Amino acid sequence: MQILTTSGGTINFIPRENIDSSKSYSILITSENENKSVLQDLGATIGSASFYHTYNASHTFVEGEFYMVTITNSTDVKLIFRDKIFCTNQAADAYQINDGVYKSHGSTNDFIYYE
């Protein structure tokens, strides 16, 4: 699963086949909540890192929603990568699904249990 912010971010992926600079690639990002395409890049620029590839998505996403990303080799019409995206502005290591929803209150109640 990819985690992006509301202003986009970098999608890191390992494709099913090698990325060839002589071929063209397309990227489709679909909202799972609305079941419609929110980003379609037919001439995607794919970067390369040590052992994986990258794509910079600069689209505005909705906080707390899920998306599906599909990367296709347009030249050979082959699917090379598919994954799910979750959008949040919280830090990934400190993410809490109920952030700001519940408030804890201190209590002086003591409970005594008898056997």
PDB file of N, CA and C in Angstrom:
ATOM      1  N   MET A   1       0.846  -1.171   0.000  1.00  0.00           N
ATOM      2  CA  MET A   1       0.000   0.000   0.000  1.00  0.00           C
ATOM      3  C   MET A   1       0.891   1.234   0.000  1.00  0.00           C
ATOM      4  N   GLN A   2       0.498   2.177  -0.815  1.00  0.00           N
ATOM      5  CA  GLN A   2       1.177   3.458  -0.894  1.00  0.00           C
ATOM      6  C   GLN A   2       0.449   4.438   0.029  1.00  0.00           C
ATOM      7  N   ILE A   3       1.187   5.310   0.683  1.00  0.00           N
ATOM      8  CA  ILE A   3       0.579   6.346   1.515  1.00  0.00           C
ATOM      9  C   ILE A   3       1.008   7.692   0.966  1.00  0.00           C
ATOM     10  N   LEU A   4       0.025   8.485   0.531  1.00  0.00           N
ATOM     11  CA  LEU A   4       0.272   9.805  -0.034  1.00  0.00           C
ATOM     12  C   LEU A   4      -0.452  10.854   0.788  1.00  0.00           C
ATOM     13  N   THR A   5      -0.044  12.110   0.628  1.00  0.00           N
ATOM     14  CA  THR A   5      -0.717  13.212   1.304  1.00  0.00           C
ATOM     15  C   THR A   5      -1.790  13.782   0.379  1.00  0.00           C
ATOM     16  N   THR A   6      -2.533  14.757   0.866  1.00  0.00           N
ATOM     17  CA  THR A   6      -3.588  15.350   0.053  1.00  0.00           C
ATOM     18  C   THR A   6      -3.034  16.099  -1.156  1.00  0.00           C
ATOM     19  N   SER A   7      -1.773  16.477  -1.117  1.00  0.00           N
ATOM     20  CA  SER A   7      -1.163  17.172  -2.253  1.00  0.00           C
ATOM     21  C   SER A   7      -0.364  16.220  -3.147  1.00  0.00           C
ATOM     22  N   GLY A   8      -0.509  14.927  -2.944  1.00  0.00           N
ATOM     23  CA  GLY A   8       0.187  13.940  -3.780  1.00  0.00           C
ATOM     24  C   GLY A   8       1.418  13.391  -3.096  1.00  0.00           C
ATOM     25  N   GLY A   9       2.360  12.936  -3.898  1.00  0.00           N
ATOM     26  CA  GLY A   9       3.586  12.365  -3.360  1.00  0.00           C
ATOM     27  C   GLY A   9       4.216  11.421  -4.361  1.00  0.00           C
ATOM     28  N   THR A  10       5.155  10.640  -3.896  1.00  0.00           N
ATOM     29  CA  THR A  10       5.892   9.721  -4.757  1.00  0.00           C
ATOM     30  C   THR A  10       5.375   8.304  -4.581  1.00  0.00           C
ATOM     31  N   ILE A  11       5.068   7.666  -5.701  1.00  0.00           N
ATOM     32  CA  ILE A  11       4.656   6.268  -5.708  1.00  0.00           C
ATOM     33  C   ILE A  11       5.889   5.433  -6.038  1.00  0.00           C
ATOM     34  N   ASN A  12       6.292   4.580  -5.119  1.00  0.00           N
ATOM     35  CA  ASN A  12       7.434   3.685  -5.324  1.00  0.00           C
ATOM     36  C   ASN A  12       6.900   2.315  -5.707  1.00  0.00           C
ATOM     37  N   PHE A  13       7.499   1.691  -6.722  1.00  0.00           N
ATOM     38  CA  PHE A  13       6.996   0.394  -7.155  1.00  0.00           C
ATOM     39  C   PHE A  13       8.084  -0.440  -7.808  1.00  0.00           C
ATOM     40  N   ILE A  14       7.870  -1.750  -7.755  1.00  0.00           N
ATOM     41  CA  ILE A  14       8.717  -2.710  -8.460  1.00  0.00           C
ATOM     42  C   ILE A  14       7.830  -3.325  -9.542  1.00  0.00           C
ATOM     43  N   PRO A  15       8.116  -3.058 -10.819  1.00  0.00           N
ATOM     44  CA  PRO A  15       7.233  -3.520 -11.891  1.00  0.00           C
ATOM     45  C   PRO A  15       7.364  -5.011 -12.171  1.00  0.00           C
ATOM     46  N   ARG A  16       6.374  -5.550 -12.880  1.00  0.00           N
ATOM     47  CA  ARG A  16       6.379  -6.968 -13.258  1.00  0.00           C
ATOM     48  C   ARG A  16       7.355  -7.248 -14.396  1.00  0.00           C
ATOM     49  N   GLU A  17       7.754  -6.212 -15.105  1.00  0.00           N
ATOM     50  CA  GLU A  17       8.744  -6.349 -16.176  1.00  0.00           C
ATOM     51  C   GLU A  17       9.672  -5.144 -16.123  1.00  0.00           C
ATOM     52  N   ASN A  18      10.795  -5.221 -16.781  1.00  0.00           N
ATOM     53  CA  ASN A  18      11.753  -4.123 -16.773  1.00  0.00           C
ATOM     54  C   ASN A  18      11.190  -2.901 -17.484  1.00  0.00           C
ATOM     55  N   ILE A  19      11.511  -1.729 -16.960  1.00  0.00           N
ATOM     56  CA  ILE A  19      11.104  -0.477 -17.587  1.00  0.00           C
ATOM     57  C   ILE A  19      12.068  -0.191 -18.726  1.00  0.00           C
ATOM     58  N   ASP A  20      11.531  -0.021 -19.919  1.00  0.00           N
ATOM     59  CA  ASP A  20      12.324   0.212 -21.119  1.00  0.00           C
ATOM     60  C   ASP A  20      12.042   1.632 -21.606  1.00  0.00           C
ATOM     61  N   SER A  21      13.091   2.421 -21.796  1.00  0.00           N
ATOM     62  CA  SER A  21      12.909   3.821 -22.193  1.00  0.00           C
ATOM     63  C   SER A  21      12.316   3.972 -23.593  1.00  0.00           C
ATOM     64  N   SER A  22      12.360   2.917 -24.416  1.00  0.00           N
ATOM     65  CA  SER A  22      11.788   3.002 -25.760  1.00  0.00           C
ATOM     66  C   SER A  22      10.279   2.760 -25.765  1.00  0.00           C
ATOM     67  N   LYS A  23       9.712   2.368 -24.617  1.00  0.00           N
ATOM     68  CA  LYS A  23       8.274   2.102 -24.525  1.00  0.00           C
ATOM     69  C   LYS A  23       7.583   3.220 -23.756  1.00  0.00           C
ATOM     70  N   SER A  24       6.281   3.362 -23.975  1.00  0.00           N
ATOM     71  CA  SER A  24       5.512   4.379 -23.251  1.00  0.00           C
ATOM     72  C   SER A  24       4.672   3.697 -22.167  1.00  0.00           C
ATOM     73  N   TYR A  25       4.419   4.448 -21.103  1.00  0.00           N
ATOM     74  CA  TYR A  25       3.707   3.916 -19.953  1.00  0.00           C
ATOM     75  C   TYR A  25       2.581   4.868 -19.564  1.00  0.00           C
ATOM     76  N   SER A  26       1.486   4.304 -19.087  1.00  0.00           N
ATOM     77  CA  SER A  26       0.365   5.125 -18.639  1.00  0.00           C
ATOM     78  C   SER A  26       0.014   4.756 -17.202  1.00  0.00           C
ATOM     79  N   ILE A  27      -0.458   5.763 -16.472  1.00  0.00           N
ATOM     80  CA  ILE A  27      -0.818   5.578 -15.069  1.00  0.00           C
ATOM     81  C   ILE A  27      -2.257   6.032 -14.882  1.00  0.00           C
ATOM     82  N   LEU A  28      -3.028   5.198 -14.211  1.00  0.00           N
ATOM     83  CA  LEU A  28      -4.427   5.502 -13.932  1.00  0.00           C
ATOM     84  C   LEU A  28      -4.642   5.376 -12.430  1.00  0.00           C
ATOM     85  N   ILE A  29      -5.164   6.433 -11.814  1.00  0.00           N
ATOM     86  CA  ILE A  29      -5.505   6.403 -10.393  1.00  0.00           C
ATOM     87  C   ILE A  29      -7.015   6.581 -10.285  1.00  0.00           C
ATOM     88  N   THR A  30      -7.658   5.621  -9.608  1.00  0.00           N
ATOM     89  CA  THR A  30      -9.112   5.585  -9.497  1.00  0.00           C
ATOM     90  C   THR A  30      -9.521   5.680  -8.030  1.00  0.00           C
ATOM     91  N   SER A  31     -10.533   6.495  -7.750  1.00  0.00           N
ATOM     92  CA  SER A  31     -11.072   6.610  -6.405  1.00  0.00           C
ATOM     93  C   SER A  31     -11.935   5.398  -6.106  1.00  0.00           C
ATOM     94  N   GLU A  32     -11.705   4.736  -4.972  1.00  0.00           N
ATOM     95  CA  GLU A  32     -12.527   3.584  -4.596  1.00  0.00           C
ATOM     96  C   GLU A  32     -13.892   4.023  -4.086  1.00  0.00           C
ATOM     97  N   ASN A  33     -13.979   5.200  -3.471  1.00  0.00           N
ATOM     98  CA  ASN A  33     -15.255   5.678  -2.933  1.00  0.00           C
ATOM     99  C   ASN A  33     -16.216   6.101  -4.036  1.00  0.00           C
ATOM    100  N   GLU A  34     -15.689   6.765  -5.060  1.00  0.00           N
ATOM    101  CA  GLU A  34     -16.543   7.276  -6.128  1.00  0.00           C
ATOM    102  C   GLU A  34     -16.525   6.392  -7.368  1.00  0.00           C
ATOM    103  N   ASN A  35     -15.601   5.429  -7.424  1.00  0.00           N
ATOM    104  CA  ASN A  35     -15.442   4.518  -8.555  1.00  0.00           C
ATOM    105  C   ASN A  35     -15.288   5.281  -9.876  1.00  0.00           C
ATOM    106  N   LYS A  36     -14.429   6.295  -9.855  1.00  0.00           N
ATOM    107  CA  LYS A  36     -14.145   7.042 -11.076  1.00  0.00           C
ATOM    108  C   LYS A  36     -12.677   7.431 -11.115  1.00  0.00           C
ATOM    109  N   SER A  37     -12.193   7.679 -12.308  1.00  0.00           N
ATOM    110  CA  SER A  37     -10.795   8.041 -12.519  1.00  0.00           C
ATOM    111  C   SER A  37     -10.548   9.459 -12.024  1.00  0.00           C
ATOM    112  N   VAL A  38      -9.479   9.628 -11.218  1.00  0.00           N
ATOM    113  CA  VAL A  38      -9.135  10.962 -10.727  1.00  0.00           C
ATOM    114  C   VAL A  38      -7.843  11.480 -11.357  1.00  0.00           C
ATOM    115  N   LEU A  39      -7.026  10.577 -11.914  1.00  0.00           N
ATOM    116  CA  LEU A  39      -5.780  10.972 -12.572  1.00  0.00           C
ATOM    117  C   LEU A  39      -5.441   9.958 -13.651  1.00  0.00           C
ATOM    118  N   GLN A  40      -5.185  10.466 -14.851  1.00  0.00           N
ATOM    119  CA  GLN A  40      -4.768   9.598 -15.946  1.00  0.00           C
ATOM    120  C   GLN A  40      -3.610  10.286 -16.653  1.00  0.00           C
ATOM    121  N   ASP A  41      -2.450   9.642 -16.632  1.00  0.00           N
ATOM    122  CA  ASP A  41      -1.238  10.157 -17.260  1.00  0.00           C
ATOM    123  C   ASP A  41      -0.819   9.178 -18.348  1.00  0.00           C
ATOM    124  N   LEU A  42      -1.090   9.533 -19.609  1.00  0.00           N
ATOM    125  CA  LEU A  42      -0.830   8.618 -20.719  1.00  0.00           C
ATOM    126  C   LEU A  42       0.631   8.572 -21.115  1.00  0.00           C
ATOM    127  N   GLY A  43       1.381   9.614 -20.838  1.00  0.00           N
ATOM    128  CA  GLY A  43       2.816   9.646 -21.136  1.00  0.00           C
ATOM    129  C   GLY A  43       3.610   9.814 -19.867  1.00  0.00           C
ATOM    130  N   ALA A  44       3.440   8.889 -18.933  1.00  0.00           N
ATOM    131  CA  ALA A  44       4.029   9.009 -17.600  1.00  0.00           C
ATOM    132  C   ALA A  44       5.550   8.988 -17.641  1.00  0.00           C
ATOM    133  N   THR A  45       6.152   9.867 -16.831  1.00  0.00           N
ATOM    134  CA  THR A  45       7.601   9.882 -16.660  1.00  0.00           C
ATOM    135  C   THR A  45       7.931   9.065 -15.419  1.00  0.00           C
ATOM    136  N   ILE A  46       8.602   7.949 -15.623  1.00  0.00           N
ATOM    137  CA  ILE A  46       8.924   7.035 -14.534  1.00  0.00           C
ATOM    138  C   ILE A  46      10.402   7.157 -14.208  1.00  0.00           C
ATOM    139  N   GLY A  47      10.680   7.420 -12.934  1.00  0.00           N
ATOM    140  CA  GLY A  47      12.062   7.534 -12.474  1.00  0.00           C
ATOM    141  C   GLY A  47      12.593   6.196 -12.007  1.00  0.00           C
ATOM    142  N   SER A  48      13.892   6.163 -11.749  1.00  0.00           N
ATOM    143  CA  SER A  48      14.521   4.928 -11.315  1.00  0.00           C
ATOM    144  C   SER A  48      15.355   5.184 -10.068  1.00  0.00           C
ATOM    145  N   ALA A  49      15.263   4.275  -9.105  1.00  0.00           N
ATOM    146  CA  ALA A  49      16.086   4.326  -7.894  1.00  0.00           C
ATOM    147  C   ALA A  49      16.933   3.053  -7.867  1.00  0.00           C
ATOM    148  N   SER A  50      17.494   2.731  -6.744  1.00  0.00           N
ATOM    149  CA  SER A  50      18.406   1.588  -6.630  1.00  0.00           C
ATOM    150  C   SER A  50      17.809   0.292  -7.172  1.00  0.00           C
ATOM    151  N   PHE A  51      16.688  -0.141  -6.626  1.00  0.00           N
ATOM    152  CA  PHE A  51      16.099  -1.412  -7.037  1.00  0.00           C
ATOM    153  C   PHE A  51      14.601  -1.288  -7.307  1.00  0.00           C
ATOM    154  N   TYR A  52      14.102  -0.080  -7.393  1.00  0.00           N
ATOM    155  CA  TYR A  52      12.686   0.153  -7.651  1.00  0.00           C
ATOM    156  C   TYR A  52      12.524   1.388  -8.529  1.00  0.00           C
ATOM    157  N   HIS A  53      11.305   1.668  -8.934  1.00  0.00           N
ATOM    158  CA  HIS A  53      11.004   2.815  -9.794  1.00  0.00           C
ATOM    159  C   HIS A  53      10.050   3.756  -9.067  1.00  0.00           C
ATOM    160  N   THR A  54       9.986   4.992  -9.538  1.00  0.00           N
ATOM    161  CA  THR A  54       9.173   6.001  -8.877  1.00  0.00           C
ATOM    162  C   THR A  54       8.319   6.760  -9.884  1.00  0.00           C
ATOM    163  N   TYR A  55       7.207   7.280  -9.383  1.00  0.00           N
ATOM    164  CA  TYR A  55       6.347   8.170 -10.158  1.00  0.00           C
ATOM    165  C   TYR A  55       5.854   9.253  -9.206  1.00  0.00           C
ATOM    166  N   ASN A  56       5.967  10.513  -9.618  1.00  0.00           N
ATOM    167  CA  ASN A  56       5.513  11.627  -8.787  1.00  0.00           C
ATOM    168  C   ASN A  56       4.095  12.002  -9.161  1.00  0.00           C
ATOM    169  N   ALA A  57       3.176  11.774  -8.230  1.00  0.00           N
ATOM    170  CA  ALA A  57       1.767  12.112  -8.427  1.00  0.00           C
ATOM    171  C   ALA A  57       1.514  13.471  -7.787  1.00  0.00           C
ATOM    172  N   SER A  58       1.227  14.467  -8.606  1.00  0.00           N
ATOM    173  CA  SER A  58       1.006  15.821  -8.082  1.00  0.00           C
ATOM    174  C   SER A  58      -0.468  16.191  -8.133  1.00  0.00           C
ATOM    175  N   HIS A  59      -1.319  15.224  -7.915  1.00  0.00           N
ATOM    176  CA  HIS A  59      -2.768  15.431  -7.927  1.00  0.00           C
ATOM    177  C   HIS A  59      -3.241  15.740  -6.506  1.00  0.00           C
ATOM    178  N   THR A  60      -4.348  16.432  -6.367  1.00  0.00           N
ATOM    179  CA  THR A  60      -4.931  16.703  -5.049  1.00  0.00           C
ATOM    180  C   THR A  60      -5.861  15.554  -4.687  1.00  0.00           C
ATOM    181  N   PHE A  61      -5.554  14.868  -3.581  1.00  0.00           N
ATOM    182  CA  PHE A  61      -6.348  13.741  -3.121  1.00  0.00           C
ATOM    183  C   PHE A  61      -7.182  14.152  -1.910  1.00  0.00           C
ATOM    184  N   VAL A  62      -8.155  13.320  -1.562  1.00  0.00           N
ATOM    185  CA  VAL A  62      -9.051  13.594  -0.434  1.00  0.00           C
ATOM    186  C   VAL A  62      -8.556  12.827   0.786  1.00  0.00           C
ATOM    187  N   GLU A  63      -8.471  13.528   1.907  1.00  0.00           N
ATOM    188  CA  GLU A  63      -8.006  12.948   3.174  1.00  0.00           C
ATOM    189  C   GLU A  63      -8.880  11.762   3.590  1.00  0.00           C
ATOM    190  N   GLY A  64      -8.224  10.649   3.948  1.00  0.00           N
ATOM    191  CA  GLY A  64      -8.917   9.482   4.470  1.00  0.00           C
ATOM    192  C   GLY A  64      -9.538   8.578   3.422  1.00  0.00           C
ATOM    193  N   GLU A  65      -9.285   8.811   2.151  1.00  0.00           N
ATOM    194  CA  GLU A  65      -9.878   7.979   1.101  1.00  0.00           C
ATOM    195  C   GLU A  65      -8.844   7.025   0.504  1.00  0.00           C
ATOM    196  N   PHE A  66      -9.351   5.951  -0.087  1.00  0.00           N
ATOM    197  CA  PHE A  66      -8.526   4.954  -0.749  1.00  0.00           C
ATOM    198  C   PHE A  66      -8.624   5.114  -2.258  1.00  0.00           C
ATOM    199  N   TYR A  67      -7.516   4.817  -2.934  1.00  0.00           N
ATOM    200  CA  TYR A  67      -7.432   4.889  -4.387  1.00  0.00           C
ATOM    201  C   TYR A  67      -6.722   3.645  -4.891  1.00  0.00           C
ATOM    202  N   MET A  68      -6.932   3.315  -6.164  1.00  0.00           N
ATOM    203  CA  MET A  68      -6.206   2.237  -6.824  1.00  0.00           C
ATOM    204  C   MET A  68      -5.329   2.849  -7.897  1.00  0.00           C
ATOM    205  N   VAL A  69      -4.061   2.426  -7.964  1.00  0.00           N
ATOM    206  CA  VAL A  69      -3.146   2.890  -9.003  1.00  0.00           C
ATOM    207  C   VAL A  69      -2.821   1.705  -9.909  1.00  0.00           C
ATOM    208  N   THR A  70      -2.882   1.956 -11.213  1.00  0.00           N
ATOM    209  CA  THR A  70      -2.575   0.940 -12.213  1.00  0.00           C
ATOM    210  C   THR A  70      -1.570   1.529 -13.185  1.00  0.00           C
ATOM    211  N   ILE A  71      -0.431   0.849 -13.351  1.00  0.00           N
ATOM    212  CA  ILE A  71       0.592   1.290 -14.302  1.00  0.00           C
ATOM    213  C   ILE A  71       0.648   0.261 -15.421  1.00  0.00           C
ATOM    214  N   THR A  72       0.514   0.764 -16.647  1.00  0.00           N
ATOM    215  CA  THR A  72       0.422  -0.110 -17.811  1.00  0.00           C
ATOM    216  C   THR A  72       1.500   0.229 -18.824  1.00  0.00           C
ATOM    217  N   ASN A  73       2.062  -0.802 -19.436  1.00  0.00           N
ATOM    218  CA  ASN A  73       2.959  -0.642 -20.569  1.00  0.00           C
ATOM    219  C   ASN A  73       2.055  -0.399 -21.774  1.00  0.00           C
ATOM    220  N   SER A  74       1.940   0.852 -22.225  1.00  0.00           N
ATOM    221  CA  SER A  74       1.021   1.208 -23.303  1.00  0.00           C
ATOM    222  C   SER A  74       1.453   0.638 -24.644  1.00  0.00           C
ATOM    223  N   THR A  75       2.730   0.450 -24.854  1.00  0.00           N
ATOM    224  CA  THR A  75       3.239  -0.070 -26.114  1.00  0.00           C
ATOM    225  C   THR A  75       2.800  -1.509 -26.333  1.00  0.00           C
ATOM    226  N   ASP A  76       2.956  -2.350 -25.317  1.00  0.00           N
ATOM    227  CA  ASP A  76       2.596  -3.765 -25.425  1.00  0.00           C
ATOM    228  C   ASP A  76       1.240  -4.080 -24.793  1.00  0.00           C
ATOM    229  N   VAL A  77       0.584  -3.085 -24.236  1.00  0.00           N
ATOM    230  CA  VAL A  77      -0.697  -3.227 -23.530  1.00  0.00           C
ATOM    231  C   VAL A  77      -0.607  -4.327 -22.471  1.00  0.00           C
ATOM    232  N   LYS A  78       0.327  -4.134 -21.528  1.00  0.00           N
ATOM    233  CA  LYS A  78       0.522  -5.080 -20.430  1.00  0.00           C
ATOM    234  C   LYS A  78       0.466  -4.339 -19.102  1.00  0.00           C
ATOM    235  N   LEU A  79      -0.197  -4.946 -18.147  1.00  0.00           N
ATOM    236  CA  LEU A  79      -0.222  -4.418 -16.789  1.00  0.00           C
ATOM    237  C   LEU A  79       1.122  -4.731 -16.142  1.00  0.00           C
ATOM    238  N   ILE A  80       1.788  -3.685 -15.605  1.00  0.00           N
ATOM    239  CA  ILE A  80       3.084  -3.938 -14.961  1.00  0.00           C
ATOM    240  C   ILE A  80       3.068  -3.666 -13.461  1.00  0.00           C
ATOM    241  N   PHE A  81       2.011  -2.978 -12.968  1.00  0.00           N
ATOM    242  CA  PHE A  81       1.949  -2.730 -11.530  1.00  0.00           C
ATOM    243  C   PHE A  81       0.531  -2.313 -11.144  1.00  0.00           C
ATOM    244  N   ARG A  82       0.098  -2.788  -9.969  1.00  0.00           N
ATOM    245  CA  ARG A  82      -1.195  -2.388  -9.411  1.00  0.00           C
ATOM    246  C   ARG A  82      -1.056  -2.354  -7.897  1.00  0.00           C
ATOM    247  N   ASP A  83      -1.614  -1.307  -7.274  1.00  0.00           N
ATOM    248  CA  ASP A  83      -1.516  -1.182  -5.819  1.00  0.00           C
ATOM    249  C   ASP A  83      -2.631  -0.282  -5.318  1.00  0.00           C
ATOM    250  N   LYS A  84      -2.757  -0.227  -4.010  1.00  0.00           N
ATOM    251  CA  LYS A  84      -3.748   0.607  -3.356  1.00  0.00           C
ATOM    252  C   LYS A  84      -3.038   1.812  -2.745  1.00  0.00           C
ATOM    253  N   ILE A  85      -3.718   2.964  -2.748  1.00  0.00           N
ATOM    254  CA  ILE A  85      -3.194   4.205  -2.169  1.00  0.00           C
ATOM    255  C   ILE A  85      -4.132   4.639  -1.050  1.00  0.00           C
ATOM    256  N   PHE A  86      -3.547   5.074   0.068  1.00  0.00           N
ATOM    257  CA  PHE A  86      -4.330   5.689   1.133  1.00  0.00           C
ATOM    258  C   PHE A  86      -3.833   7.109   1.309  1.00  0.00           C
ATOM    259  N   CYS A  87      -4.750   8.050   1.423  1.00  0.00           N
ATOM    260  CA  CYS A  87      -4.392   9.462   1.539  1.00  0.00           C
ATOM    261  C   CYS A  87      -4.551   9.932   2.979  1.00  0.00           C
ATOM    262  N   THR A  88      -3.464  10.470   3.547  1.00  0.00           N
ATOM    263  CA  THR A  88      -3.499  11.043   4.890  1.00  0.00           C
ATOM    264  C   THR A  88      -2.397  12.087   5.017  1.00  0.00           C
ATOM    265  N   ASN A  89      -2.649  13.095   5.839  1.00  0.00           N
ATOM    266  CA  ASN A  89      -1.633  14.103   6.122  1.00  0.00           C
ATOM    267  C   ASN A  89      -0.901  13.810   7.426  1.00  0.00           C
ATOM    268  N   GLN A  90      -1.282  12.743   8.108  1.00  0.00           N
ATOM    269  CA  GLN A  90      -0.584  12.346   9.325  1.00  0.00           C
ATOM    270  C   GLN A  90       0.720  11.640   8.959  1.00  0.00           C
ATOM    271  N   ALA A  91       1.667  11.690   9.859  1.00  0.00           N
ATOM    272  CA  ALA A  91       2.916  10.952   9.648  1.00  0.00           C
ATOM    273  C   ALA A  91       2.607   9.462   9.629  1.00  0.00           C
ATOM    274  N   ALA A  92       3.198   8.730   8.714  1.00  0.00           N
ATOM    275  CA  ALA A  92       2.883   7.312   8.533  1.00  0.00           C
ATOM    276  C   ALA A  92       3.182   6.484   9.778  1.00  0.00           C
ATOM    277  N   ASP A  93       4.255   6.798  10.499  1.00  0.00           N
ATOM    278  CA  ASP A  93       4.609   6.005  11.673  1.00  0.00           C
ATOM    279  C   ASP A  93       3.739   6.320  12.886  1.00  0.00           C
ATOM    280  N   ALA A  94       3.040   7.466  12.869  1.00  0.00           N
ATOM    281  CA  ALA A  94       2.198   7.847  14.002  1.00  0.00           C
ATOM    282  C   ALA A  94       0.731   7.892  13.607  1.00  0.00           C
ATOM    283  N   TYR A  95       0.358   7.241  12.514  1.00  0.00           N
ATOM    284  CA  TYR A  95      -1.018   7.299  12.026  1.00  0.00           C
ATOM    285  C   TYR A  95      -1.974   6.602  12.979  1.00  0.00           C
ATOM    286  N   GLN A  96      -3.090   7.269  13.270  1.00  0.00           N
ATOM    287  CA  GLN A  96      -4.162   6.690  14.068  1.00  0.00           C
ATOM    288  C   GLN A  96      -5.464   6.943  13.326  1.00  0.00           C
ATOM    289  N   ILE A  97      -6.257   5.909  13.149  1.00  0.00           N
ATOM    290  CA  ILE A  97      -7.470   6.038  12.361  1.00  0.00           C
ATOM    291  C   ILE A  97      -8.490   6.970  13.021  1.00  0.00           C
ATOM    292  N   ASN A  98      -8.451   7.112  14.332  1.00  0.00           N
ATOM    293  CA  ASN A  98      -9.404   7.965  15.021  1.00  0.00           C
ATOM    294  C   ASN A  98      -8.755   9.244  15.533  1.00  0.00           C
ATOM    295  N   ASP A  99      -7.754   9.754  14.844  1.00  0.00           N
ATOM    296  CA  ASP A  99      -7.065  10.975  15.258  1.00  0.00           C
ATOM    297  C   ASP A  99      -8.027  12.155  15.267  1.00  0.00           C
ATOM    298  N   GLY A 100      -8.192  12.785  16.403  1.00  0.00           N
ATOM    299  CA  GLY A 100      -9.049  13.950  16.535  1.00  0.00           C
ATOM    300  C   GLY A 100     -10.525  13.637  16.669  1.00  0.00           C
ATOM    301  N   VAL A 101     -10.897  12.374  16.664  1.00  0.00           N
ATOM    302  CA  VAL A 101     -12.306  11.997  16.754  1.00  0.00           C
ATOM    303  C   VAL A 101     -12.713  11.783  18.200  1.00  0.00           C
ATOM    304  N   TYR A 102     -11.870  11.096  18.951  1.00  0.00           N
ATOM    305  CA  TYR A 102     -12.177  10.795  20.338  1.00  0.00           C
ATOM    306  C   TYR A 102     -11.268  11.589  21.259  1.00  0.00           C
ATOM    307  N   LYS A 103     -11.836  12.022  22.370  1.00  0.00           N
ATOM    308  CA  LYS A 103     -11.049  12.723  23.375  1.00  0.00           C
ATOM    309  C   LYS A 103     -11.094  11.914  24.658  1.00  0.00           C
ATOM    310  N   SER A 104      -9.934  11.732  25.271  1.00  0.00           N
ATOM    311  CA  SER A 104      -9.912  10.993  26.528  1.00  0.00           C
ATOM    312  C   SER A 104     -10.034  11.980  27.684  1.00  0.00           C
ATOM    313  N   HIS A 105     -10.764  11.573  28.681  1.00  0.00           N
ATOM    314  CA  HIS A 105     -10.984  12.408  29.857  1.00  0.00           C
ATOM    315  C   HIS A 105     -10.449  11.680  31.089  1.00  0.00           C
ATOM    316  N   GLY A 106      -9.827  12.427  31.963  1.00  0.00           N
ATOM    317  CA  GLY A 106      -9.323  11.835  33.196  1.00  0.00           C
ATOM    318  C   GLY A 106     -10.467  11.530  34.140  1.00  0.00           C
ATOM    319  N   SER A 107     -10.298  10.519  34.944  1.00  0.00           N
ATOM    320  CA  SER A 107     -11.337  10.126  35.871  1.00  0.00           C
ATOM    321  C   SER A 107     -10.710   9.769  37.203  1.00  0.00           C
ATOM    322  N   THR A 108     -11.429  10.078  38.258  1.00  0.00           N
ATOM    323  CA  THR A 108     -10.952   9.724  39.590  1.00  0.00           C
ATOM    324  C   THR A 108     -11.738   8.532  40.125  1.00  0.00           C
ATOM    325  N   ASN A 109     -12.525   7.895  39.307  1.00  0.00           N
ATOM    326  CA  ASN A 109     -13.303   6.733  39.736  1.00  0.00           C
ATOM    327  C   ASN A 109     -12.368   5.571  40.000  1.00  0.00           C
ATOM    328  N   ASP A 110     -12.523   4.947  41.137  1.00  0.00           N
ATOM    329  CA  ASP A 110     -11.779   3.748  41.468  1.00  0.00           C
ATOM    330  C   ASP A 110     -12.741   2.591  41.543  1.00  0.00           C
ATOM    331  N   PHE A 111     -12.344   1.457  41.035  1.00  0.00           N
ATOM    332  CA  PHE A 111     -13.174   0.289  41.061  1.00  0.00           C
ATOM    333  C   PHE A 111     -12.559  -0.740  41.987  1.00  0.00           C
ATOM    334  N   ILE A 112     -13.370  -1.309  42.830  1.00  0.00           N
ATOM    335  CA  ILE A 112     -12.909  -2.334  43.750  1.00  0.00           C
ATOM    336  C   ILE A 112     -13.645  -3.638  43.404  1.00  0.00           C
ATOM    337  N   TYR A 113     -12.871  -4.666  43.191  1.00  0.00           N
ATOM    338  CA  TYR A 113     -13.461  -5.955  42.840  1.00  0.00           C
ATOM    339  C   TYR A 113     -13.363  -6.885  44.042  1.00  0.00           C
ATOM    340  N   TYR A 114     -14.476  -7.544  44.385  1.00  0.00           N
ATOM    341  CA  TYR A 114     -14.498  -8.513  45.477  1.00  0.00           C
ATOM    342  C   TYR A 114     -14.671  -9.899  44.910  1.00  0.00           C
ATOM    343  N   GLU A 115     -13.994 -10.829  45.497  1.00  0.00           N
ATOM    344  CA  GLU A 115     -14.126 -12.216  45.052  1.00  0.00           C
ATOM    345  C   GLU A 115     -15.010 -12.994  45.963  1.00  0.00           C
TER     346      GLU A 115
END
